[in-house]
Amino acid sequence: MSEHDPFPAGVANLLTAVAEALEIPMPSVDAADERKHYRLLENRTTDLLIALRSLLRHREHPDLAYDAAYIRRCTAHYPVTYTPFVSSRTEETA
């Protein structure tokens, strides 16, 4: 851990996994894509809640590397399957 880094490596790794799980593109305006976006966010959030609740229940034996890996496996299990929103002004995904 760096002298200026406020988080131990395990905490930073866990928080990075959480952020990666929640970083999903906005859906296109198509109703089906909006439903898929909502369902993806719901699934990933449920998995995150399970991992974090487990970590909080077992504070005496934390395994942050395992929890981060679990979150990443769950995230990979639920990939983005909808069309992301594309701005007509920038032609880039939002």
N, C-alpha and C. Protein backbone atom coordinates (compact mmCIF):
# COMPACT_ATOMS: atom_id res chain seq x y z
N MET A 1 0.84 -1.18 0.00
CA MET A 1 0.00 0.00 0.00
C MET A 1 0.88 1.23 0.00
N SER A 2 0.58 2.17 -0.85
CA SER A 2 1.32 3.42 -0.94
C SER A 2 1.06 4.26 0.30
N GLU A 3 2.01 5.09 0.62
CA GLU A 3 1.88 5.98 1.77
C GLU A 3 0.69 6.92 1.62
N HIS A 4 0.35 7.26 0.37
CA HIS A 4 -0.74 8.19 0.10
C HIS A 4 -2.05 7.50 -0.28
N ASP A 5 -2.05 6.20 -0.36
CA ASP A 5 -3.23 5.45 -0.74
C ASP A 5 -4.05 5.16 0.51
N PRO A 6 -5.28 5.70 0.59
CA PRO A 6 -6.08 5.51 1.81
C PRO A 6 -6.66 4.10 1.97
N PHE A 7 -6.65 3.31 0.89
CA PHE A 7 -7.23 1.97 0.95
C PHE A 7 -6.15 0.90 0.87
N PRO A 8 -6.29 -0.14 1.68
CA PRO A 8 -5.42 -1.30 1.47
C PRO A 8 -5.75 -1.90 0.10
N ALA A 9 -4.82 -2.63 -0.48
CA ALA A 9 -4.99 -3.19 -1.82
C ALA A 9 -6.26 -4.03 -1.94
N GLY A 10 -6.58 -4.83 -0.94
CA GLY A 10 -7.77 -5.67 -1.00
C GLY A 10 -9.05 -4.86 -1.06
N VAL A 11 -9.09 -3.76 -0.35
CA VAL A 11 -10.28 -2.89 -0.35
C VAL A 11 -10.41 -2.21 -1.71
N ALA A 12 -9.31 -1.70 -2.23
CA ALA A 12 -9.34 -1.05 -3.55
C ALA A 12 -9.78 -2.04 -4.62
N ASN A 13 -9.31 -3.27 -4.56
CA ASN A 13 -9.70 -4.31 -5.51
C ASN A 13 -11.19 -4.60 -5.41
N LEU A 14 -11.71 -4.71 -4.21
CA LEU A 14 -13.14 -4.98 -4.00
C LEU A 14 -13.98 -3.82 -4.52
N LEU A 15 -13.59 -2.60 -4.20
CA LEU A 15 -14.36 -1.43 -4.65
C LEU A 15 -14.31 -1.30 -6.18
N THR A 16 -13.19 -1.64 -6.77
CA THR A 16 -13.08 -1.62 -8.23
C THR A 16 -14.04 -2.63 -8.85
N ALA A 17 -14.12 -3.81 -8.27
CA ALA A 17 -15.05 -4.84 -8.77
C ALA A 17 -16.49 -4.36 -8.66
N VAL A 18 -16.83 -3.69 -7.57
CA VAL A 18 -18.19 -3.16 -7.38
C VAL A 18 -18.48 -2.10 -8.45
N ALA A 19 -17.54 -1.18 -8.63
CA ALA A 19 -17.74 -0.12 -9.62
C ALA A 19 -17.88 -0.70 -11.03
N GLU A 20 -17.06 -1.68 -11.36
CA GLU A 20 -17.12 -2.30 -12.69
C GLU A 20 -18.47 -2.99 -12.91
N ALA A 21 -19.00 -3.59 -11.87
CA ALA A 21 -20.29 -4.28 -11.99
C ALA A 21 -21.43 -3.30 -12.26
N LEU A 22 -21.30 -2.09 -11.71
CA LEU A 22 -22.38 -1.11 -11.85
C LEU A 22 -22.20 -0.17 -13.05
N GLU A 23 -21.03 -0.21 -13.66
CA GLU A 23 -20.77 0.64 -14.82
C GLU A 23 -21.31 -0.01 -16.07
N ILE A 24 -22.55 0.30 -16.39
CA ILE A 24 -23.16 -0.27 -17.59
C ILE A 24 -23.68 0.90 -18.44
N PRO A 25 -23.64 0.74 -19.76
CA PRO A 25 -24.09 1.84 -20.62
C PRO A 25 -25.60 2.02 -20.55
N MET A 26 -26.01 3.24 -20.79
CA MET A 26 -27.44 3.53 -20.87
C MET A 26 -28.00 2.78 -22.08
N PRO A 27 -29.26 2.34 -22.00
CA PRO A 27 -29.84 1.61 -23.14
C PRO A 27 -30.36 2.57 -24.21
N SER A 28 -30.56 2.02 -25.38
CA SER A 28 -31.21 2.79 -26.44
C SER A 28 -32.63 3.12 -25.97
N VAL A 29 -33.34 3.91 -26.74
CA VAL A 29 -34.69 4.28 -26.35
C VAL A 29 -35.72 3.18 -26.63
N ASP A 30 -35.28 2.09 -27.22
CA ASP A 30 -36.16 0.96 -27.50
C ASP A 30 -36.63 0.35 -26.17
N ALA A 31 -37.91 0.08 -26.06
CA ALA A 31 -38.48 -0.45 -24.81
C ALA A 31 -37.84 -1.78 -24.40
N ALA A 32 -37.56 -2.62 -25.37
CA ALA A 32 -36.94 -3.92 -25.05
C ALA A 32 -35.55 -3.71 -24.47
N ASP A 33 -34.79 -2.76 -25.02
CA ASP A 33 -33.46 -2.48 -24.48
C ASP A 33 -33.55 -1.89 -23.08
N GLU A 34 -34.55 -1.06 -22.84
CA GLU A 34 -34.73 -0.49 -21.50
C GLU A 34 -35.05 -1.59 -20.48
N ARG A 35 -35.87 -2.56 -20.88
CA ARG A 35 -36.18 -3.68 -20.00
C ARG A 35 -34.94 -4.52 -19.71
N LYS A 36 -34.14 -4.78 -20.74
CA LYS A 36 -32.91 -5.56 -20.56
C LYS A 36 -31.92 -4.81 -19.66
N HIS A 37 -31.84 -3.50 -19.82
CA HIS A 37 -30.97 -2.68 -18.98
C HIS A 37 -31.40 -2.78 -17.51
N TYR A 38 -32.70 -2.62 -17.29
CA TYR A 38 -33.23 -2.71 -15.93
C TYR A 38 -32.95 -4.09 -15.32
N ARG A 39 -33.19 -5.14 -16.08
CA ARG A 39 -32.98 -6.51 -15.59
C ARG A 39 -31.50 -6.76 -15.29
N LEU A 40 -30.61 -6.27 -16.15
CA LEU A 40 -29.17 -6.41 -15.94
C LEU A 40 -28.76 -5.70 -14.65
N LEU A 41 -29.22 -4.49 -14.48
CA LEU A 41 -28.89 -3.74 -13.27
C LEU A 41 -29.44 -4.44 -12.03
N GLU A 42 -30.64 -4.97 -12.13
CA GLU A 42 -31.25 -5.70 -11.03
C GLU A 42 -30.44 -6.95 -10.67
N ASN A 43 -30.03 -7.73 -11.67
CA ASN A 43 -29.24 -8.94 -11.42
C ASN A 43 -27.89 -8.62 -10.81
N ARG A 44 -27.21 -7.64 -11.38
CA ARG A 44 -25.89 -7.30 -10.85
C ARG A 44 -25.97 -6.72 -9.44
N THR A 45 -26.98 -5.92 -9.19
CA THR A 45 -27.15 -5.35 -7.85
C THR A 45 -27.44 -6.44 -6.83
N THR A 46 -28.25 -7.41 -7.19
CA THR A 46 -28.54 -8.52 -6.29
C THR A 46 -27.27 -9.29 -5.94
N ASP A 47 -26.44 -9.57 -6.95
CA ASP A 47 -25.18 -10.26 -6.71
C ASP A 47 -24.25 -9.45 -5.81
N LEU A 48 -24.21 -8.15 -6.04
CA LEU A 48 -23.38 -7.29 -5.20
C LEU A 48 -23.86 -7.30 -3.76
N LEU A 49 -25.15 -7.23 -3.58
CA LEU A 49 -25.72 -7.26 -2.23
C LEU A 49 -25.38 -8.56 -1.52
N ILE A 50 -25.46 -9.67 -2.21
CA ILE A 50 -25.11 -10.97 -1.62
C ILE A 50 -23.65 -10.96 -1.17
N ALA A 51 -22.76 -10.50 -2.03
CA ALA A 51 -21.33 -10.48 -1.71
C ALA A 51 -21.04 -9.56 -0.53
N LEU A 52 -21.63 -8.38 -0.54
CA LEU A 52 -21.35 -7.42 0.54
C LEU A 52 -21.97 -7.86 1.86
N ARG A 53 -23.17 -8.41 1.81
CA ARG A 53 -23.80 -8.91 3.05
C ARG A 53 -22.99 -10.06 3.64
N SER A 54 -22.50 -10.93 2.80
CA SER A 54 -21.66 -12.04 3.26
C SER A 54 -20.39 -11.52 3.92
N LEU A 55 -19.77 -10.55 3.29
CA LEU A 55 -18.56 -9.95 3.84
C LEU A 55 -18.85 -9.33 5.21
N LEU A 56 -19.95 -8.63 5.32
CA LEU A 56 -20.30 -7.99 6.59
C LEU A 56 -20.66 -9.00 7.68
N ARG A 57 -21.25 -10.12 7.30
CA ARG A 57 -21.61 -11.15 8.28
C ARG A 57 -20.40 -11.92 8.79
N HIS A 58 -19.36 -11.98 7.99
CA HIS A 58 -18.17 -12.77 8.35
C HIS A 58 -16.95 -11.87 8.46
N ARG A 59 -17.06 -10.83 9.25
CA ARG A 59 -15.98 -9.85 9.40
C ARG A 59 -14.73 -10.44 10.02
N GLU A 60 -14.90 -11.50 10.79
CA GLU A 60 -13.74 -12.08 11.47
C GLU A 60 -12.80 -12.81 10.52
N HIS A 61 -13.30 -13.18 9.35
CA HIS A 61 -12.48 -13.88 8.35
C HIS A 61 -12.70 -13.28 6.97
N PRO A 62 -12.36 -12.00 6.78
CA PRO A 62 -12.61 -11.41 5.46
C PRO A 62 -11.67 -11.99 4.41
N ASP A 63 -12.21 -12.21 3.25
CA ASP A 63 -11.41 -12.65 2.11
C ASP A 63 -11.78 -11.74 0.95
N LEU A 64 -11.20 -10.55 0.96
CA LEU A 64 -11.56 -9.53 -0.01
C LEU A 64 -11.24 -9.96 -1.44
N ALA A 65 -10.15 -10.69 -1.61
CA ALA A 65 -9.79 -11.15 -2.96
C ALA A 65 -10.84 -12.12 -3.48
N TYR A 66 -11.32 -13.01 -2.62
CA TYR A 66 -12.36 -13.96 -3.03
C TYR A 66 -13.64 -13.20 -3.37
N ASP A 67 -14.01 -12.24 -2.53
CA ASP A 67 -15.24 -11.49 -2.77
C ASP A 67 -15.16 -10.69 -4.07
N ALA A 68 -14.01 -10.07 -4.33
CA ALA A 68 -13.83 -9.33 -5.58
C ALA A 68 -13.93 -10.28 -6.78
N ALA A 69 -13.32 -11.45 -6.67
CA ALA A 69 -13.38 -12.43 -7.75
C ALA A 69 -14.81 -12.92 -7.95
N TYR A 70 -15.55 -13.14 -6.85
CA TYR A 70 -16.96 -13.55 -6.94
C TYR A 70 -17.77 -12.50 -7.69
N ILE A 71 -17.57 -11.24 -7.34
CA ILE A 71 -18.30 -10.16 -8.00
C ILE A 71 -17.96 -10.13 -9.49
N ARG A 72 -16.70 -10.30 -9.83
CA ARG A 72 -16.31 -10.30 -11.24
C ARG A 72 -16.90 -11.49 -12.00
N ARG A 73 -16.97 -12.66 -11.36
CA ARG A 73 -17.59 -13.83 -12.00
C ARG A 73 -19.07 -13.56 -12.25
N CYS A 74 -19.73 -13.00 -11.26
CA CYS A 74 -21.16 -12.69 -11.41
C CYS A 74 -21.38 -11.65 -12.50
N THR A 75 -20.52 -10.65 -12.54
CA THR A 75 -20.62 -9.60 -13.57
C THR A 75 -20.46 -10.21 -14.95
N ALA A 76 -19.50 -11.10 -15.10
CA ALA A 76 -19.28 -11.76 -16.39
C ALA A 76 -20.47 -12.63 -16.78
N HIS A 77 -21.17 -13.17 -15.78
CA HIS A 77 -22.33 -14.02 -16.03
C HIS A 77 -23.50 -13.22 -16.60
N TYR A 78 -23.52 -11.92 -16.34
CA TYR A 78 -24.59 -11.04 -16.83
C TYR A 78 -23.99 -9.93 -17.70
N PRO A 79 -23.63 -10.24 -18.95
CA PRO A 79 -23.05 -9.22 -19.83
C PRO A 79 -24.14 -8.28 -20.38
N VAL A 80 -23.72 -7.19 -20.95
CA VAL A 80 -24.63 -6.27 -21.63
C VAL A 80 -25.11 -6.95 -22.90
N THR A 81 -26.43 -7.10 -23.02
CA THR A 81 -27.00 -7.76 -24.20
C THR A 81 -27.96 -6.85 -24.96
N TYR A 82 -28.01 -5.60 -24.57
CA TYR A 82 -28.90 -4.64 -25.22
C TYR A 82 -28.07 -3.65 -26.05
N THR A 83 -28.76 -2.87 -26.85
CA THR A 83 -28.11 -1.85 -27.65
C THR A 83 -27.93 -0.60 -26.81
N PRO A 84 -26.70 -0.14 -26.64
CA PRO A 84 -26.48 1.09 -25.86
C PRO A 84 -27.01 2.32 -26.59
N PHE A 85 -27.31 3.33 -25.84
CA PHE A 85 -27.78 4.60 -26.37
C PHE A 85 -26.64 5.26 -27.15
N VAL A 86 -26.97 5.83 -28.32
CA VAL A 86 -26.02 6.58 -29.11
C VAL A 86 -26.59 7.98 -29.30
N SER A 87 -25.79 8.97 -28.94
CA SER A 87 -26.22 10.36 -29.08
C SER A 87 -26.15 10.77 -30.54
N SER A 88 -27.20 11.38 -31.04
CA SER A 88 -27.20 11.85 -32.42
C SER A 88 -26.27 13.05 -32.59
N ARG A 89 -25.95 13.73 -31.51
CA ARG A 89 -25.04 14.88 -31.60
C ARG A 89 -23.59 14.46 -31.70
N THR A 90 -23.23 13.41 -30.97
CA THR A 90 -21.82 13.04 -30.91
C THR A 90 -21.51 11.73 -31.61
N GLU A 91 -22.55 10.95 -31.91
CA GLU A 91 -22.39 9.61 -32.50
C GLU A 91 -21.54 8.69 -31.62
N GLU A 92 -21.55 8.97 -30.33
CA GLU A 92 -20.85 8.12 -29.37
C GLU A 92 -21.85 7.56 -28.39
N THR A 93 -21.50 6.41 -27.80
CA THR A 93 -22.40 5.85 -26.80
C THR A 93 -22.31 6.68 -25.54
N ALA A 94 -23.40 6.78 -24.86
CA ALA A 94 -23.46 7.56 -23.62
C ALA A 94 -23.09 6.71 -22.44
